[in-house]
Amino acid sequence: MKIATAINIGRKTKQIVWQNITLAFCVKLIVLTLGAGGLASMWEAVFAAVGVAMLAILNATRIQRMKF
């Protein structure tokens, strides 16, 4: 029973990790494109990076509230 629970937790964790990677990649790509076009400054890139990190942390904490 505990092995099945561990597998379920692992699957959900993997899903959340891929969500975080995709979100971070998309936001960084958008900011990079805007920066290359001169529409985003270095400060905006820094705030985007910190914002993505905070969103990833908040998204990862969802696993603690799940019932298995």
PDB file of N, CA and C in Angstrom:
ATOM      1  N   MET A   1       0.832  -1.194   0.000  1.00  0.00           N
ATOM      2  CA  MET A   1       0.000   0.000   0.000  1.00  0.00           C
ATOM      3  C   MET A   1       0.877   1.260   0.000  1.00  0.00           C
ATOM      4  N   LYS A   2       1.942   1.251   0.776  1.00  0.00           N
ATOM      5  CA  LYS A   2       2.815   2.420   0.846  1.00  0.00           C
ATOM      6  C   LYS A   2       3.581   2.623  -0.453  1.00  0.00           C
ATOM      7  N   ILE A   3       3.886   1.542  -1.148  1.00  0.00           N
ATOM      8  CA  ILE A   3       4.591   1.661  -2.428  1.00  0.00           C
ATOM      9  C   ILE A   3       3.683   2.339  -3.450  1.00  0.00           C
ATOM     10  N   ALA A   4       2.408   1.970  -3.471  1.00  0.00           N
ATOM     11  CA  ALA A   4       1.453   2.592  -4.390  1.00  0.00           C
ATOM     12  C   ALA A   4       1.301   4.083  -4.081  1.00  0.00           C
ATOM     13  N   THR A   5       1.266   4.419  -2.806  1.00  0.00           N
ATOM     14  CA  THR A   5       1.180   5.830  -2.411  1.00  0.00           C
ATOM     15  C   THR A   5       2.426   6.589  -2.840  1.00  0.00           C
ATOM     16  N   ALA A   6       3.588   5.989  -2.660  1.00  0.00           N
ATOM     17  CA  ALA A   6       4.839   6.633  -3.059  1.00  0.00           C
ATOM     18  C   ALA A   6       4.888   6.851  -4.572  1.00  0.00           C
ATOM     19  N   ILE A   7       4.378   5.886  -5.326  1.00  0.00           N
ATOM     20  CA  ILE A   7       4.342   6.039  -6.785  1.00  0.00           C
ATOM     21  C   ILE A   7       3.409   7.173  -7.181  1.00  0.00           C
ATOM     22  N   ASN A   8       2.258   7.289  -6.546  1.00  0.00           N
ATOM     23  CA  ASN A   8       1.321   8.384  -6.828  1.00  0.00           C
ATOM     24  C   ASN A   8       1.934   9.735  -6.503  1.00  0.00           C
ATOM     25  N   ILE A   9       2.603   9.829  -5.368  1.00  0.00           N
ATOM     26  CA  ILE A   9       3.259  11.085  -4.991  1.00  0.00           C
ATOM     27  C   ILE A   9       4.340  11.431  -6.006  1.00  0.00           C
ATOM     28  N   GLY A  10       5.100  10.441  -6.437  1.00  0.00           N
ATOM     29  CA  GLY A  10       6.144  10.668  -7.431  1.00  0.00           C
ATOM     30  C   GLY A  10       5.587  11.160  -8.753  1.00  0.00           C
ATOM     31  N   ARG A  11       4.482  10.585  -9.188  1.00  0.00           N
ATOM     32  CA  ARG A  11       3.856  11.019 -10.444  1.00  0.00           C
ATOM     33  C   ARG A  11       3.368  12.455 -10.364  1.00  0.00           C
ATOM     34  N   LYS A  12       2.707  12.801  -9.274  1.00  0.00           N
ATOM     35  CA  LYS A  12       2.221  14.176  -9.117  1.00  0.00           C
ATOM     36  C   LYS A  12       3.382  15.158  -9.014  1.00  0.00           C
ATOM     37  N   THR A  13       4.440  14.759  -8.323  1.00  0.00           N
ATOM     38  CA  THR A  13       5.615  15.609  -8.200  1.00  0.00           C
ATOM     39  C   THR A  13       6.251  15.838  -9.565  1.00  0.00           C
ATOM     40  N   LYS A  14       6.361  14.792 -10.349  1.00  0.00           N
ATOM     41  CA  LYS A  14       6.919  14.918 -11.701  1.00  0.00           C
ATOM     42  C   LYS A  14       6.069  15.854 -12.556  1.00  0.00           C
ATOM     43  N   GLN A  15       4.757  15.757 -12.434  1.00  0.00           N
ATOM     44  CA  GLN A  15       3.855  16.627 -13.183  1.00  0.00           C
ATOM     45  C   GLN A  15       4.057  18.094 -12.788  1.00  0.00           C
ATOM     46  N   ILE A  16       4.174  18.355 -11.513  1.00  0.00           N
ATOM     47  CA  ILE A  16       4.364  19.725 -11.034  1.00  0.00           C
ATOM     48  C   ILE A  16       5.729  20.258 -11.452  1.00  0.00           C
ATOM     49  N   VAL A  17       6.748  19.417 -11.426  1.00  0.00           N
ATOM     50  CA  VAL A  17       8.085  19.837 -11.861  1.00  0.00           C
ATOM     51  C   VAL A  17       8.058  20.257 -13.324  1.00  0.00           C
ATOM     52  N   TRP A  18       7.394  19.470 -14.171  1.00  0.00           N
ATOM     53  CA  TRP A  18       7.309  19.826 -15.586  1.00  0.00           C
ATOM     54  C   TRP A  18       6.504  21.108 -15.801  1.00  0.00           C
ATOM     55  N   GLN A  19       5.475  21.336 -14.993  1.00  0.00           N
ATOM     56  CA  GLN A  19       4.734  22.593 -15.067  1.00  0.00           C
ATOM     57  C   GLN A  19       5.653  23.770 -14.750  1.00  0.00           C
ATOM     58  N   ASN A  20       6.460  23.618 -13.701  1.00  0.00           N
ATOM     59  CA  ASN A  20       7.372  24.693 -13.306  1.00  0.00           C
ATOM     60  C   ASN A  20       8.423  24.961 -14.379  1.00  0.00           C
ATOM     61  N   ILE A  21       8.962  23.894 -14.964  1.00  0.00           N
ATOM     62  CA  ILE A  21       9.968  24.060 -16.012  1.00  0.00           C
ATOM     63  C   ILE A  21       9.369  24.763 -17.221  1.00  0.00           C
ATOM     64  N   THR A  22       8.178  24.354 -17.626  1.00  0.00           N
ATOM     65  CA  THR A  22       7.520  24.959 -18.781  1.00  0.00           C
ATOM     66  C   THR A  22       7.215  26.429 -18.530  1.00  0.00           C
ATOM     67  N   LEU A  23       6.681  26.736 -17.360  1.00  0.00           N
ATOM     68  CA  LEU A  23       6.373  28.128 -17.020  1.00  0.00           C
ATOM     69  C   LEU A  23       7.628  28.982 -17.032  1.00  0.00           C
ATOM     70  N   ALA A  24       8.680  28.503 -16.406  1.00  0.00           N
ATOM     71  CA  ALA A  24       9.926  29.266 -16.341  1.00  0.00           C
ATOM     72  C   ALA A  24      10.503  29.486 -17.741  1.00  0.00           C
ATOM     73  N   PHE A  25      10.498  28.436 -18.552  1.00  0.00           N
ATOM     74  CA  PHE A  25      11.037  28.551 -19.910  1.00  0.00           C
ATOM     75  C   PHE A  25      10.245  29.562 -20.733  1.00  0.00           C
ATOM     76  N   CYS A  26       8.918  29.504 -20.652  1.00  0.00           N
ATOM     77  CA  CYS A  26       8.087  30.430 -21.431  1.00  0.00           C
ATOM     78  C   CYS A  26       8.283  31.876 -20.999  1.00  0.00           C
ATOM     79  N   VAL A  27       8.288  32.130 -19.709  1.00  0.00           N
ATOM     80  CA  VAL A  27       8.463  33.500 -19.220  1.00  0.00           C
ATOM     81  C   VAL A  27       9.847  34.020 -19.591  1.00  0.00           C
ATOM     82  N   LYS A  28      10.868  33.205 -19.423  1.00  0.00           N
ATOM     83  CA  LYS A  28      12.227  33.640 -19.772  1.00  0.00           C
ATOM     84  C   LYS A  28      12.345  33.917 -21.268  1.00  0.00           C
ATOM     85  N   LEU A  29      11.706  33.102 -22.085  1.00  0.00           N
ATOM     86  CA  LEU A  29      11.738  33.313 -23.528  1.00  0.00           C
ATOM     87  C   LEU A  29      11.049  34.620 -23.908  1.00  0.00           C
ATOM     88  N   ILE A  30       9.930  34.904 -23.272  1.00  0.00           N
ATOM     89  CA  ILE A  30       9.213  36.155 -23.542  1.00  0.00           C
ATOM     90  C   ILE A  30      10.054  37.353 -23.131  1.00  0.00           C
ATOM     91  N   VAL A  31      10.633  37.319 -21.956  1.00  0.00           N
ATOM     92  CA  VAL A  31      11.446  38.440 -21.477  1.00  0.00           C
ATOM     93  C   VAL A  31      12.704  38.591 -22.331  1.00  0.00           C
ATOM     94  N   LEU A  32      13.290  37.473 -22.743  1.00  0.00           N
ATOM     95  CA  LEU A  32      14.463  37.538 -23.619  1.00  0.00           C
ATOM     96  C   LEU A  32      14.116  38.188 -24.951  1.00  0.00           C
ATOM     97  N   THR A  33      12.979  37.816 -25.496  1.00  0.00           N
ATOM     98  CA  THR A  33      12.537  38.406 -26.767  1.00  0.00           C
ATOM     99  C   THR A  33      12.270  39.896 -26.608  1.00  0.00           C
ATOM    100  N   LEU A  34      11.588  40.264 -25.537  1.00  0.00           N
ATOM    101  CA  LEU A  34      11.321  41.687 -25.295  1.00  0.00           C
ATOM    102  C   LEU A  34      12.614  42.454 -25.050  1.00  0.00           C
ATOM    103  N   GLY A  35      13.540  41.844 -24.351  1.00  0.00           N
ATOM    104  CA  GLY A  35      14.822  42.495 -24.092  1.00  0.00           C
ATOM    105  C   GLY A  35      15.634  42.681 -25.363  1.00  0.00           C
ATOM    106  N   ALA A  36      15.603  41.698 -26.239  1.00  0.00           N
ATOM    107  CA  ALA A  36      16.329  41.809 -27.500  1.00  0.00           C
ATOM    108  C   ALA A  36      15.723  42.896 -28.380  1.00  0.00           C
ATOM    109  N   GLY A  37      14.430  43.098 -28.264  1.00  0.00           N
ATOM    110  CA  GLY A  37      13.758  44.138 -29.032  1.00  0.00           C
ATOM    111  C   GLY A  37      13.833  45.509 -28.380  1.00  0.00           C
ATOM    112  N   GLY A  38      14.431  45.587 -27.216  1.00  0.00           N
ATOM    113  CA  GLY A  38      14.568  46.869 -26.524  1.00  0.00           C
ATOM    114  C   GLY A  38      13.338  47.281 -25.733  1.00  0.00           C
ATOM    115  N   LEU A  39      12.404  46.360 -25.540  1.00  0.00           N
ATOM    116  CA  LEU A  39      11.172  46.700 -24.832  1.00  0.00           C
ATOM    117  C   LEU A  39      11.214  46.329 -23.345  1.00  0.00           C
ATOM    118  N   ALA A  40      12.214  45.558 -22.942  1.00  0.00           N
ATOM    119  CA  ALA A  40      12.332  45.164 -21.534  1.00  0.00           C
ATOM    120  C   ALA A  40      13.724  45.520 -21.032  1.00  0.00           C
ATOM    121  N   SER A  41      13.755  46.069 -19.838  1.00  0.00           N
ATOM    122  CA  SER A  41      15.035  46.445 -19.248  1.00  0.00           C
ATOM    123  C   SER A  41      15.586  45.290 -18.405  1.00  0.00           C
ATOM    124  N   MET A  42      16.776  45.503 -17.893  1.00  0.00           N
ATOM    125  CA  MET A  42      17.395  44.480 -17.050  1.00  0.00           C
ATOM    126  C   MET A  42      16.592  44.277 -15.771  1.00  0.00           C
ATOM    127  N   TRP A  43      16.032  45.343 -15.239  1.00  0.00           N
ATOM    128  CA  TRP A  43      15.240  45.236 -14.011  1.00  0.00           C
ATOM    129  C   TRP A  43      13.986  44.408 -14.245  1.00  0.00           C
ATOM    130  N   GLU A  44      13.365  44.576 -15.375  1.00  0.00           N
ATOM    131  CA  GLU A  44      12.181  43.778 -15.681  1.00  0.00           C
ATOM    132  C   GLU A  44      12.544  42.301 -15.809  1.00  0.00           C
ATOM    133  N   ALA A  45      13.700  42.017 -16.369  1.00  0.00           N
ATOM    134  CA  ALA A  45      14.165  40.629 -16.474  1.00  0.00           C
ATOM    135  C   ALA A  45      14.422  40.042 -15.090  1.00  0.00           C
ATOM    136  N   VAL A  46      14.995  40.836 -14.206  1.00  0.00           N
ATOM    137  CA  VAL A  46      15.254  40.370 -12.839  1.00  0.00           C
ATOM    138  C   VAL A  46      13.938  40.099 -12.117  1.00  0.00           C
ATOM    139  N   PHE A  47      12.989  41.020 -12.247  1.00  0.00           N
ATOM    140  CA  PHE A  47      11.694  40.813 -11.599  1.00  0.00           C
ATOM    141  C   PHE A  47      10.963  39.613 -12.189  1.00  0.00           C
ATOM    142  N   ALA A  48      11.096  39.384 -13.483  1.00  0.00           N
ATOM    143  CA  ALA A  48      10.478  38.212 -14.102  1.00  0.00           C
ATOM    144  C   ALA A  48      11.104  36.929 -13.560  1.00  0.00           C
ATOM    145  N   ALA A  49      12.417  36.917 -13.403  1.00  0.00           N
ATOM    146  CA  ALA A  49      13.098  35.727 -12.889  1.00  0.00           C
ATOM    147  C   ALA A  49      12.682  35.436 -11.446  1.00  0.00           C
ATOM    148  N   VAL A  50      12.624  36.469 -10.635  1.00  0.00           N
ATOM    149  CA  VAL A  50      12.210  36.288  -9.240  1.00  0.00           C
ATOM    150  C   VAL A  50      10.743  35.879  -9.166  1.00  0.00           C
ATOM    151  N   GLY A  51       9.923  36.483 -10.005  1.00  0.00           N
ATOM    152  CA  GLY A  51       8.502  36.133 -10.037  1.00  0.00           C
ATOM    153  C   GLY A  51       8.282  34.686 -10.436  1.00  0.00           C
ATOM    154  N   VAL A  52       9.015  34.224 -11.424  1.00  0.00           N
ATOM    155  CA  VAL A  52       8.891  32.828 -11.847  1.00  0.00           C
ATOM    156  C   VAL A  52       9.351  31.893 -10.736  1.00  0.00           C
ATOM    157  N   ALA A  53      10.397  32.262 -10.038  1.00  0.00           N
ATOM    158  CA  ALA A  53      10.872  31.434  -8.933  1.00  0.00           C
ATOM    159  C   ALA A  53       9.809  31.346  -7.829  1.00  0.00           C
ATOM    160  N   MET A  54       9.183  32.466  -7.514  1.00  0.00           N
ATOM    161  CA  MET A  54       8.133  32.466  -6.486  1.00  0.00           C
ATOM    162  C   MET A  54       6.934  31.633  -6.932  1.00  0.00           C
ATOM    163  N   LEU A  55       6.537  31.765  -8.195  1.00  0.00           N
ATOM    164  CA  LEU A  55       5.423  30.967  -8.696  1.00  0.00           C
ATOM    165  C   LEU A  55       5.745  29.477  -8.676  1.00  0.00           C
ATOM    166  N   ALA A  56       6.978  29.128  -8.995  1.00  0.00           N
ATOM    167  CA  ALA A  56       7.384  27.723  -8.965  1.00  0.00           C
ATOM    168  C   ALA A  56       7.325  27.172  -7.539  1.00  0.00           C
ATOM    169  N   ILE A  57       7.752  27.963  -6.590  1.00  0.00           N
ATOM    170  CA  ILE A  57       7.709  27.524  -5.188  1.00  0.00           C
ATOM    171  C   ILE A  57       6.270  27.351  -4.725  1.00  0.00           C
ATOM    172  N   LEU A  58       5.421  28.318  -5.053  1.00  0.00           N
ATOM    173  CA  LEU A  58       4.016  28.211  -4.657  1.00  0.00           C
ATOM    174  C   LEU A  58       3.337  27.028  -5.347  1.00  0.00           C
ATOM    175  N   ASN A  59       3.675  26.802  -6.599  1.00  0.00           N
ATOM    176  CA  ASN A  59       3.108  25.667  -7.320  1.00  0.00           C
ATOM    177  C   ASN A  59       3.574  24.345  -6.698  1.00  0.00           C
ATOM    178  N   ALA A  60       4.826  24.290  -6.291  1.00  0.00           N
ATOM    179  CA  ALA A  60       5.361  23.060  -5.705  1.00  0.00           C
ATOM    180  C   ALA A  60       4.753  22.761  -4.335  1.00  0.00           C
ATOM    181  N   THR A  61       4.323  23.776  -3.621  1.00  0.00           N
ATOM    182  CA  THR A  61       3.738  23.538  -2.300  1.00  0.00           C
ATOM    183  C   THR A  61       2.357  22.896  -2.391  1.00  0.00           C
ATOM    184  N   ARG A  62       1.774  22.854  -3.592  1.00  0.00           N
ATOM    185  CA  ARG A  62       0.478  22.197  -3.752  1.00  0.00           C
ATOM    186  C   ARG A  62       0.544  20.731  -3.381  1.00  0.00           C
ATOM    187  N   ILE A  63       1.687  20.111  -3.564  1.00  0.00           N
ATOM    188  CA  ILE A  63       1.822  18.679  -3.295  1.00  0.00           C
ATOM    189  C   ILE A  63       1.592  18.371  -1.805  1.00  0.00           C
ATOM    190  N   GLN A  64       1.875  19.345  -0.952  1.00  0.00           N
ATOM    191  CA  GLN A  64       1.691  19.133   0.490  1.00  0.00           C
ATOM    192  C   GLN A  64       0.226  19.065   0.876  1.00  0.00           C
ATOM    193  N   ARG A  65      -0.633  19.743   0.113  1.00  0.00           N
ATOM    194  CA  ARG A  65      -2.053  19.780   0.443  1.00  0.00           C
ATOM    195  C   ARG A  65      -2.852  18.637  -0.174  1.00  0.00           C
ATOM    196  N   MET A  66      -2.211  17.850  -1.035  1.00  0.00           N
ATOM    197  CA  MET A  66      -2.909  16.754  -1.700  1.00  0.00           C
ATOM    198  C   MET A  66      -3.085  15.559  -0.767  1.00  0.00           C
ATOM    199  N   LYS A  67      -4.197  14.896  -0.921  1.00  0.00           N
ATOM    200  CA  LYS A  67      -4.490  13.704  -0.135  1.00  0.00           C
ATOM    201  C   LYS A  67      -4.185  12.473  -0.980  1.00  0.00           C
ATOM    202  N   PHE A  68      -3.383  11.574  -0.431  1.00  0.00           N
ATOM    203  CA  PHE A  68      -3.030  10.353  -1.151  1.00  0.00           C
ATOM    204  C   PHE A  68      -3.509   9.137  -0.421  1.00  0.00           C
TER     205      PHE A  68
END
